[in-house]
Amino acid sequence: MAIRGSYAKGIAKRAEILDVALEVFAVEGYRGTSLRKVASLCDLSLAGVMHYFDSKEDLLVQILRERDARNEISGTIAEQEGRFEDILGQGPNEPGLIALYVTMAAAAADPAHPAAAYFQERNARLLKLSEDSYYADKPKPSAEELEYFHAMTRMVLATADGLQQQWLVDRSVDVVGTMKLLMEQSHEATERKLATFRAATGDA
């Protein structure tokens, strides 16, 4: 029982650290002083904080995972897009997390970095979510049609990432407005293209 109780306390402390880190990093971003502030607010030493994570890099990635969990995207395609826009609109209130996301995206180029698995999983999850929602009331797509749909979805996700990086450099960049424009145009282009696939297979 003592071991089980200790494990539960460890889980709770880890969750507390991530809660505090999200708040601190949102404003301050990732700096050595940021981690020390997190430790202080959690009544731990810096070494005490790191006890709950595999490495400093793992902690940073877990902060992004926790942010994703809080910003869960679900529902119909329209609902997903609305939620996506809401999340992107949070940027001005959490510039540090945007900077952390962009930094970890670059670090993910190293397959050994914890961010590599995070971004692979994240992209695959969003791709599958979009696919399942779009085709929920439609005939099963052909391999060619699905490949096109995935390509268009990746384009939207890549644009969102790129706009956030641009916003870090130039705060006048309208991330949400630009994304709305892109999604409107991509919807029109996608529907036209997918209609040709369905016509070819008799599913139109």
C-alpha atoms as a PDB file:
ATOM      1  CA  MET A   1       0.000   0.000   0.000  1.00  0.00           C
ATOM      2  CA  ALA A   2       2.858   2.346   0.802  1.00  0.00           C
ATOM      3  CA  ILE A   3       4.359   1.796  -2.652  1.00  0.00           C
ATOM      4  CA  ARG A   4       0.981   2.389  -4.304  1.00  0.00           C
ATOM      5  CA  GLY A   5       0.471   5.571  -2.285  1.00  0.00           C
ATOM      6  CA  SER A   6       3.936   6.825  -3.178  1.00  0.00           C
ATOM      7  CA  TYR A   7       3.267   6.152  -6.877  1.00  0.00           C
ATOM      8  CA  ALA A   8       0.000   8.089  -6.745  1.00  0.00           C
ATOM      9  CA  LYS A   9       1.755  11.012  -5.089  1.00  0.00           C
ATOM     10  CA  GLY A  10       4.392  10.929  -7.803  1.00  0.00           C
ATOM     11  CA  ILE A  11       1.737  11.046 -10.522  1.00  0.00           C
ATOM     12  CA  ALA A  12       0.035  13.970  -8.789  1.00  0.00           C
ATOM     13  CA  LYS A  13       3.315  15.870  -8.401  1.00  0.00           C
ATOM     14  CA  ARG A  14       4.202  15.339 -12.032  1.00  0.00           C
ATOM     15  CA  ALA A  15       0.795  16.693 -13.041  1.00  0.00           C
ATOM     16  CA  GLU A  16       1.316  19.696 -10.762  1.00  0.00           C
ATOM     17  CA  ILE A  17       4.686  20.417 -12.356  1.00  0.00           C
ATOM     18  CA  LEU A  18       3.144  20.372 -15.839  1.00  0.00           C
ATOM     19  CA  ASP A  19       0.285  22.622 -14.719  1.00  0.00           C
ATOM     20  CA  VAL A  20       2.714  25.173 -13.304  1.00  0.00           C
ATOM     21  CA  ALA A  21       5.091  24.868 -16.265  1.00  0.00           C
ATOM     22  CA  LEU A  22       2.286  25.628 -18.712  1.00  0.00           C
ATOM     23  CA  GLU A  23       1.498  28.860 -16.888  1.00  0.00           C
ATOM     24  CA  VAL A  24       5.126  29.925 -16.504  1.00  0.00           C
ATOM     25  CA  PHE A  25       6.230  29.008 -20.015  1.00  0.00           C
ATOM     26  CA  ALA A  26       3.182  30.643 -21.604  1.00  0.00           C
ATOM     27  CA  VAL A  27       4.480  34.041 -20.529  1.00  0.00           C
ATOM     28  CA  GLU A  28       8.209  33.597 -20.049  1.00  0.00           C
ATOM     29  CA  GLY A  29       9.054  30.904 -22.564  1.00  0.00           C
ATOM     30  CA  TYR A  30      11.912  28.499 -22.077  1.00  0.00           C
ATOM     31  CA  ARG A  31      14.830  29.904 -20.153  1.00  0.00           C
ATOM     32  CA  GLY A  32      16.925  28.545 -17.337  1.00  0.00           C
ATOM     33  CA  THR A  33      15.149  30.901 -14.968  1.00  0.00           C
ATOM     34  CA  SER A  34      11.782  29.550 -16.130  1.00  0.00           C
ATOM     35  CA  LEU A  35      12.566  26.037 -14.938  1.00  0.00           C
ATOM     36  CA  ARG A  36      13.832  27.377 -11.646  1.00  0.00           C
ATOM     37  CA  LYS A  37      10.617  29.338 -11.206  1.00  0.00           C
ATOM     38  CA  VAL A  38       8.586  26.198 -11.892  1.00  0.00           C
ATOM     39  CA  ALA A  39      10.628  24.342  -9.285  1.00  0.00           C
ATOM     40  CA  SER A  40      10.126  27.094  -6.726  1.00  0.00           C
ATOM     41  CA  LEU A  41       6.368  27.243  -7.279  1.00  0.00           C
ATOM     42  CA  CYS A  42       6.191  23.462  -6.842  1.00  0.00           C
ATOM     43  CA  ASP A  43       8.302  23.565  -3.651  1.00  0.00           C
ATOM     44  CA  LEU A  44      11.045  21.556  -5.324  1.00  0.00           C
ATOM     45  CA  SER A  45      14.645  22.001  -6.307  1.00  0.00           C
ATOM     46  CA  LEU A  46      15.526  21.964 -10.001  1.00  0.00           C
ATOM     47  CA  ALA A  47      16.869  18.451  -9.510  1.00  0.00           C
ATOM     48  CA  GLY A  48      13.611  17.563  -7.785  1.00  0.00           C
ATOM     49  CA  VAL A  49      11.627  18.650 -10.835  1.00  0.00           C
ATOM     50  CA  MET A  50      13.827  16.638 -13.164  1.00  0.00           C
ATOM     51  CA  HIS A  51      13.284  13.535 -11.025  1.00  0.00           C
ATOM     52  CA  TYR A  52       9.841  13.221 -12.631  1.00  0.00           C
ATOM     53  CA  PHE A  53      11.066  13.345 -16.234  1.00  0.00           C
ATOM     54  CA  ASP A  54      13.583  11.455 -18.336  1.00  0.00           C
ATOM     55  CA  SER A  55      15.459  14.617 -19.281  1.00  0.00           C
ATOM     56  CA  LYS A  56      15.058  18.359 -19.715  1.00  0.00           C
ATOM     57  CA  GLU A  57      14.048  17.744 -23.320  1.00  0.00           C
ATOM     58  CA  ASP A  58      11.434  15.227 -22.188  1.00  0.00           C
ATOM     59  CA  LEU A  59       9.979  17.804 -19.788  1.00  0.00           C
ATOM     60  CA  LEU A  60       9.676  20.369 -22.578  1.00  0.00           C
ATOM     61  CA  VAL A  61       7.907  17.892 -24.842  1.00  0.00           C
ATOM     62  CA  GLN A  62       5.577  16.812 -22.034  1.00  0.00           C
ATOM     63  CA  ILE A  63       4.571  20.465 -21.620  1.00  0.00           C
ATOM     64  CA  LEU A  64       3.482  20.476 -25.268  1.00  0.00           C
ATOM     65  CA  ARG A  65       1.630  17.185 -24.809  1.00  0.00           C
ATOM     66  CA  GLU A  66      -0.218  18.629 -21.832  1.00  0.00           C
ATOM     67  CA  ARG A  67      -1.108  21.711 -23.870  1.00  0.00           C
ATOM     68  CA  ASP A  68      -2.524  19.468 -26.607  1.00  0.00           C
ATOM     69  CA  ALA A  69      -4.568  17.526 -24.053  1.00  0.00           C
ATOM     70  CA  ARG A  70      -6.131  20.760 -22.823  1.00  0.00           C
ATOM     71  CA  ASN A  71      -6.740  21.970 -26.379  1.00  0.00           C
ATOM     72  CA  GLU A  72      -8.419  18.800 -27.571  1.00  0.00           C
ATOM     73  CA  ILE A  73      -9.922  19.036 -31.049  1.00  0.00           C
ATOM     74  CA  SER A  74     -13.042  17.006 -31.805  1.00  0.00           C
ATOM     75  CA  GLY A  75     -16.442  17.110 -33.483  1.00  0.00           C
ATOM     76  CA  THR A  76     -17.403  17.695 -37.090  1.00  0.00           C
ATOM     77  CA  ILE A  77     -15.010  19.190 -39.606  1.00  0.00           C
ATOM     78  CA  ALA A  78     -16.560  22.626 -39.051  1.00  0.00           C
ATOM     79  CA  GLU A  79     -16.291  22.254 -35.270  1.00  0.00           C
ATOM     80  CA  GLN A  80     -12.692  21.084 -35.548  1.00  0.00           C
ATOM     81  CA  GLU A  81     -11.773  24.050 -37.695  1.00  0.00           C
ATOM     82  CA  GLY A  82     -13.451  26.449 -35.289  1.00  0.00           C
ATOM     83  CA  ARG A  83     -11.560  24.919 -32.384  1.00  0.00           C
ATOM     84  CA  PHE A  84      -8.326  24.998 -34.392  1.00  0.00           C
ATOM     85  CA  GLU A  85      -8.790  28.711 -35.019  1.00  0.00           C
ATOM     86  CA  ASP A  86      -9.516  29.309 -31.332  1.00  0.00           C
ATOM     87  CA  ILE A  87      -6.286  27.552 -30.368  1.00  0.00           C
ATOM     88  CA  LEU A  88      -4.245  29.542 -32.877  1.00  0.00           C
ATOM     89  CA  GLY A  89      -5.870  32.696 -31.513  1.00  0.00           C
ATOM     90  CA  GLN A  90      -4.397  31.979 -28.087  1.00  0.00           C
ATOM     91  CA  GLY A  91      -0.931  32.868 -29.381  1.00  0.00           C
ATOM     92  CA  PRO A  92      -0.802  36.460 -28.088  1.00  0.00           C
ATOM     93  CA  ASN A  93      -1.598  35.199 -24.578  1.00  0.00           C
ATOM     94  CA  GLU A  94       0.996  32.448 -24.594  1.00  0.00           C
ATOM     95  CA  PRO A  95       3.938  33.544 -26.756  1.00  0.00           C
ATOM     96  CA  GLY A  96       6.323  31.415 -24.721  1.00  0.00           C
ATOM     97  CA  LEU A  97       4.475  28.230 -25.626  1.00  0.00           C
ATOM     98  CA  ILE A  98       4.450  29.207 -29.297  1.00  0.00           C
ATOM     99  CA  ALA A  99       8.209  29.733 -29.115  1.00  0.00           C
ATOM    100  CA  LEU A 100       8.626  26.387 -27.353  1.00  0.00           C
ATOM    101  CA  TYR A 101       6.539  24.648 -30.021  1.00  0.00           C
ATOM    102  CA  VAL A 102       8.594  26.146 -32.843  1.00  0.00           C
ATOM    103  CA  THR A 103      11.860  25.309 -31.069  1.00  0.00           C
ATOM    104  CA  MET A 104      10.804  21.708 -30.479  1.00  0.00           C
ATOM    105  CA  ALA A 105       9.646  21.415 -34.094  1.00  0.00           C
ATOM    106  CA  ALA A 106      13.191  22.219 -35.192  1.00  0.00           C
ATOM    107  CA  ALA A 107      14.650  19.824 -32.619  1.00  0.00           C
ATOM    108  CA  ALA A 108      12.415  17.053 -33.973  1.00  0.00           C
ATOM    109  CA  ALA A 109      14.714  16.796 -36.997  1.00  0.00           C
ATOM    110  CA  ASP A 110      16.892  14.640 -34.723  1.00  0.00           C
ATOM    111  CA  PRO A 111      15.208  11.192 -34.552  1.00  0.00           C
ATOM    112  CA  ALA A 112      16.711  10.650 -31.100  1.00  0.00           C
ATOM    113  CA  HIS A 113      15.129  13.792 -29.644  1.00  0.00           C
ATOM    114  CA  PRO A 114      11.855  13.268 -27.696  1.00  0.00           C
ATOM    115  CA  ALA A 115      10.222  15.880 -29.918  1.00  0.00           C
ATOM    116  CA  ALA A 116      10.571  13.614 -32.958  1.00  0.00           C
ATOM    117  CA  ALA A 117       8.098  11.056 -31.627  1.00  0.00           C
ATOM    118  CA  TYR A 118       5.820  13.806 -30.349  1.00  0.00           C
ATOM    119  CA  PHE A 119       5.453  15.524 -33.715  1.00  0.00           C
ATOM    120  CA  GLN A 120       5.085  12.235 -35.600  1.00  0.00           C
ATOM    121  CA  GLU A 121       2.284  11.181 -33.258  1.00  0.00           C
ATOM    122  CA  ARG A 122       0.659  14.604 -33.283  1.00  0.00           C
ATOM    123  CA  ASN A 123       0.628  14.925 -37.065  1.00  0.00           C
ATOM    124  CA  ALA A 124      -0.676  11.381 -37.509  1.00  0.00           C
ATOM    125  CA  ARG A 125      -3.425  11.967 -34.929  1.00  0.00           C
ATOM    126  CA  LEU A 126      -4.618  15.202 -36.543  1.00  0.00           C
ATOM    127  CA  LEU A 127      -4.499  13.633 -39.995  1.00  0.00           C
ATOM    128  CA  LYS A 128      -6.608  10.655 -38.864  1.00  0.00           C
ATOM    129  CA  LEU A 129      -9.038  12.908 -36.992  1.00  0.00           C
ATOM    130  CA  SER A 130      -9.615  15.017 -40.076  1.00  0.00           C
ATOM    131  CA  GLU A 131     -10.013  11.949 -42.286  1.00  0.00           C
ATOM    132  CA  ASP A 132     -12.464  10.179 -39.982  1.00  0.00           C
ATOM    133  CA  SER A 133     -14.611  13.282 -39.565  1.00  0.00           C
ATOM    134  CA  TYR A 134     -14.709  14.186 -43.245  1.00  0.00           C
ATOM    135  CA  TYR A 135     -15.549  10.678 -44.444  1.00  0.00           C
ATOM    136  CA  ALA A 136     -17.966   9.828 -41.627  1.00  0.00           C
ATOM    137  CA  ASP A 137     -20.973  10.302 -43.944  1.00  0.00           C
ATOM    138  CA  LYS A 138     -19.267   9.642 -47.278  1.00  0.00           C
ATOM    139  CA  PRO A 139     -18.320   6.539 -49.268  1.00  0.00           C
ATOM    140  CA  LYS A 140     -14.957   4.972 -48.522  1.00  0.00           C
ATOM    141  CA  PRO A 141     -12.393   6.899 -50.603  1.00  0.00           C
ATOM    142  CA  SER A 142     -10.080   5.363 -53.144  1.00  0.00           C
ATOM    143  CA  ALA A 143      -6.369   5.265 -52.335  1.00  0.00           C
ATOM    144  CA  GLU A 144      -5.761   8.098 -54.806  1.00  0.00           C
ATOM    145  CA  GLU A 145      -8.499  10.259 -53.299  1.00  0.00           C
ATOM    146  CA  LEU A 146      -7.279   9.629 -49.748  1.00  0.00           C
ATOM    147  CA  GLU A 147      -3.721  10.514 -50.729  1.00  0.00           C
ATOM    148  CA  TYR A 148      -4.952  13.856 -52.085  1.00  0.00           C
ATOM    149  CA  PHE A 149      -7.035  14.515 -48.964  1.00  0.00           C
ATOM    150  CA  HIS A 150      -4.016  13.816 -46.741  1.00  0.00           C
ATOM    151  CA  ALA A 151      -1.850  16.133 -48.826  1.00  0.00           C
ATOM    152  CA  MET A 152      -4.338  18.988 -48.442  1.00  0.00           C
ATOM    153  CA  THR A 153      -4.618  18.383 -44.700  1.00  0.00           C
ATOM    154  CA  ARG A 154      -0.842  18.396 -44.318  1.00  0.00           C
ATOM    155  CA  MET A 155      -0.730  21.685 -46.220  1.00  0.00           C
ATOM    156  CA  VAL A 156      -3.124  23.270 -43.724  1.00  0.00           C
ATOM    157  CA  LEU A 157      -1.152  21.953 -40.731  1.00  0.00           C
ATOM    158  CA  ALA A 158       2.153  23.071 -42.237  1.00  0.00           C
ATOM    159  CA  THR A 159       0.768  26.545 -42.901  1.00  0.00           C
ATOM    160  CA  ALA A 160      -0.379  26.842 -39.291  1.00  0.00           C
ATOM    161  CA  ASP A 161       3.105  25.923 -38.074  1.00  0.00           C
ATOM    162  CA  GLY A 162       4.743  28.356 -40.472  1.00  0.00           C
ATOM    163  CA  LEU A 163       2.442  31.227 -39.558  1.00  0.00           C
ATOM    164  CA  GLN A 164       3.196  30.765 -35.878  1.00  0.00           C
ATOM    165  CA  GLN A 165       6.913  30.978 -36.624  1.00  0.00           C
ATOM    166  CA  GLN A 166       6.342  34.141 -38.663  1.00  0.00           C
ATOM    167  CA  TRP A 167       4.261  35.621 -35.843  1.00  0.00           C
ATOM    168  CA  LEU A 168       7.154  35.175 -33.417  1.00  0.00           C
ATOM    169  CA  VAL A 169       9.253  37.361 -35.696  1.00  0.00           C
ATOM    170  CA  ASP A 170       6.513  39.823 -36.659  1.00  0.00           C
ATOM    171  CA  ARG A 171       3.593  40.195 -34.236  1.00  0.00           C
ATOM    172  CA  SER A 172       1.530  41.970 -36.898  1.00  0.00           C
ATOM    173  CA  VAL A 173       1.023  38.674 -38.759  1.00  0.00           C
ATOM    174  CA  ASP A 174      -2.657  37.714 -38.641  1.00  0.00           C
ATOM    175  CA  VAL A 175      -2.388  33.992 -37.979  1.00  0.00           C
ATOM    176  CA  VAL A 176      -6.105  33.292 -37.565  1.00  0.00           C
ATOM    177  CA  GLY A 177      -7.221  35.479 -40.450  1.00  0.00           C
ATOM    178  CA  THR A 178      -4.696  33.936 -42.805  1.00  0.00           C
ATOM    179  CA  MET A 179      -5.684  30.427 -41.740  1.00  0.00           C
ATOM    180  CA  LYS A 180      -9.362  31.177 -42.343  1.00  0.00           C
ATOM    181  CA  LEU A 181      -8.531  32.382 -45.852  1.00  0.00           C
ATOM    182  CA  LEU A 182      -6.449  29.296 -46.564  1.00  0.00           C
ATOM    183  CA  MET A 183      -9.102  26.898 -45.281  1.00  0.00           C
ATOM    184  CA  GLU A 184     -11.836  28.584 -47.313  1.00  0.00           C
ATOM    185  CA  GLN A 185      -9.786  28.255 -50.476  1.00  0.00           C
ATOM    186  CA  SER A 186      -8.633  24.726 -49.688  1.00  0.00           C
ATOM    187  CA  HIS A 187     -12.237  23.651 -49.074  1.00  0.00           C
ATOM    188  CA  GLU A 188     -13.274  24.825 -52.521  1.00  0.00           C
ATOM    189  CA  ALA A 189     -10.287  23.249 -54.227  1.00  0.00           C
ATOM    190  CA  THR A 190     -10.605  20.014 -52.267  1.00  0.00           C
ATOM    191  CA  GLU A 191     -14.322  19.583 -52.978  1.00  0.00           C
ATOM    192  CA  ARG A 192     -13.772  20.132 -56.697  1.00  0.00           C
ATOM    193  CA  LYS A 193     -10.894  17.659 -56.825  1.00  0.00           C
ATOM    194  CA  LEU A 194     -12.571  15.010 -54.683  1.00  0.00           C
ATOM    195  CA  ALA A 195     -15.694  15.262 -56.844  1.00  0.00           C
ATOM    196  CA  THR A 196     -13.603  14.164 -59.820  1.00  0.00           C
ATOM    197  CA  PHE A 197     -12.371  11.136 -57.893  1.00  0.00           C
ATOM    198  CA  ARG A 198     -15.926  10.149 -56.925  1.00  0.00           C
ATOM    199  CA  ALA A 199     -17.176  10.640 -60.474  1.00  0.00           C
ATOM    200  CA  ALA A 200     -14.455   8.335 -61.718  1.00  0.00           C
ATOM    201  CA  THR A 201     -15.483   5.611 -59.274  1.00  0.00           C
ATOM    202  CA  GLY A 202     -19.221   6.162 -59.614  1.00  0.00           C
ATOM    203  CA  ASP A 203     -19.654   7.471 -56.057  1.00  0.00           C
ATOM    204  CA  ALA A 204     -20.615  11.013 -57.052  1.00  0.00           C
END
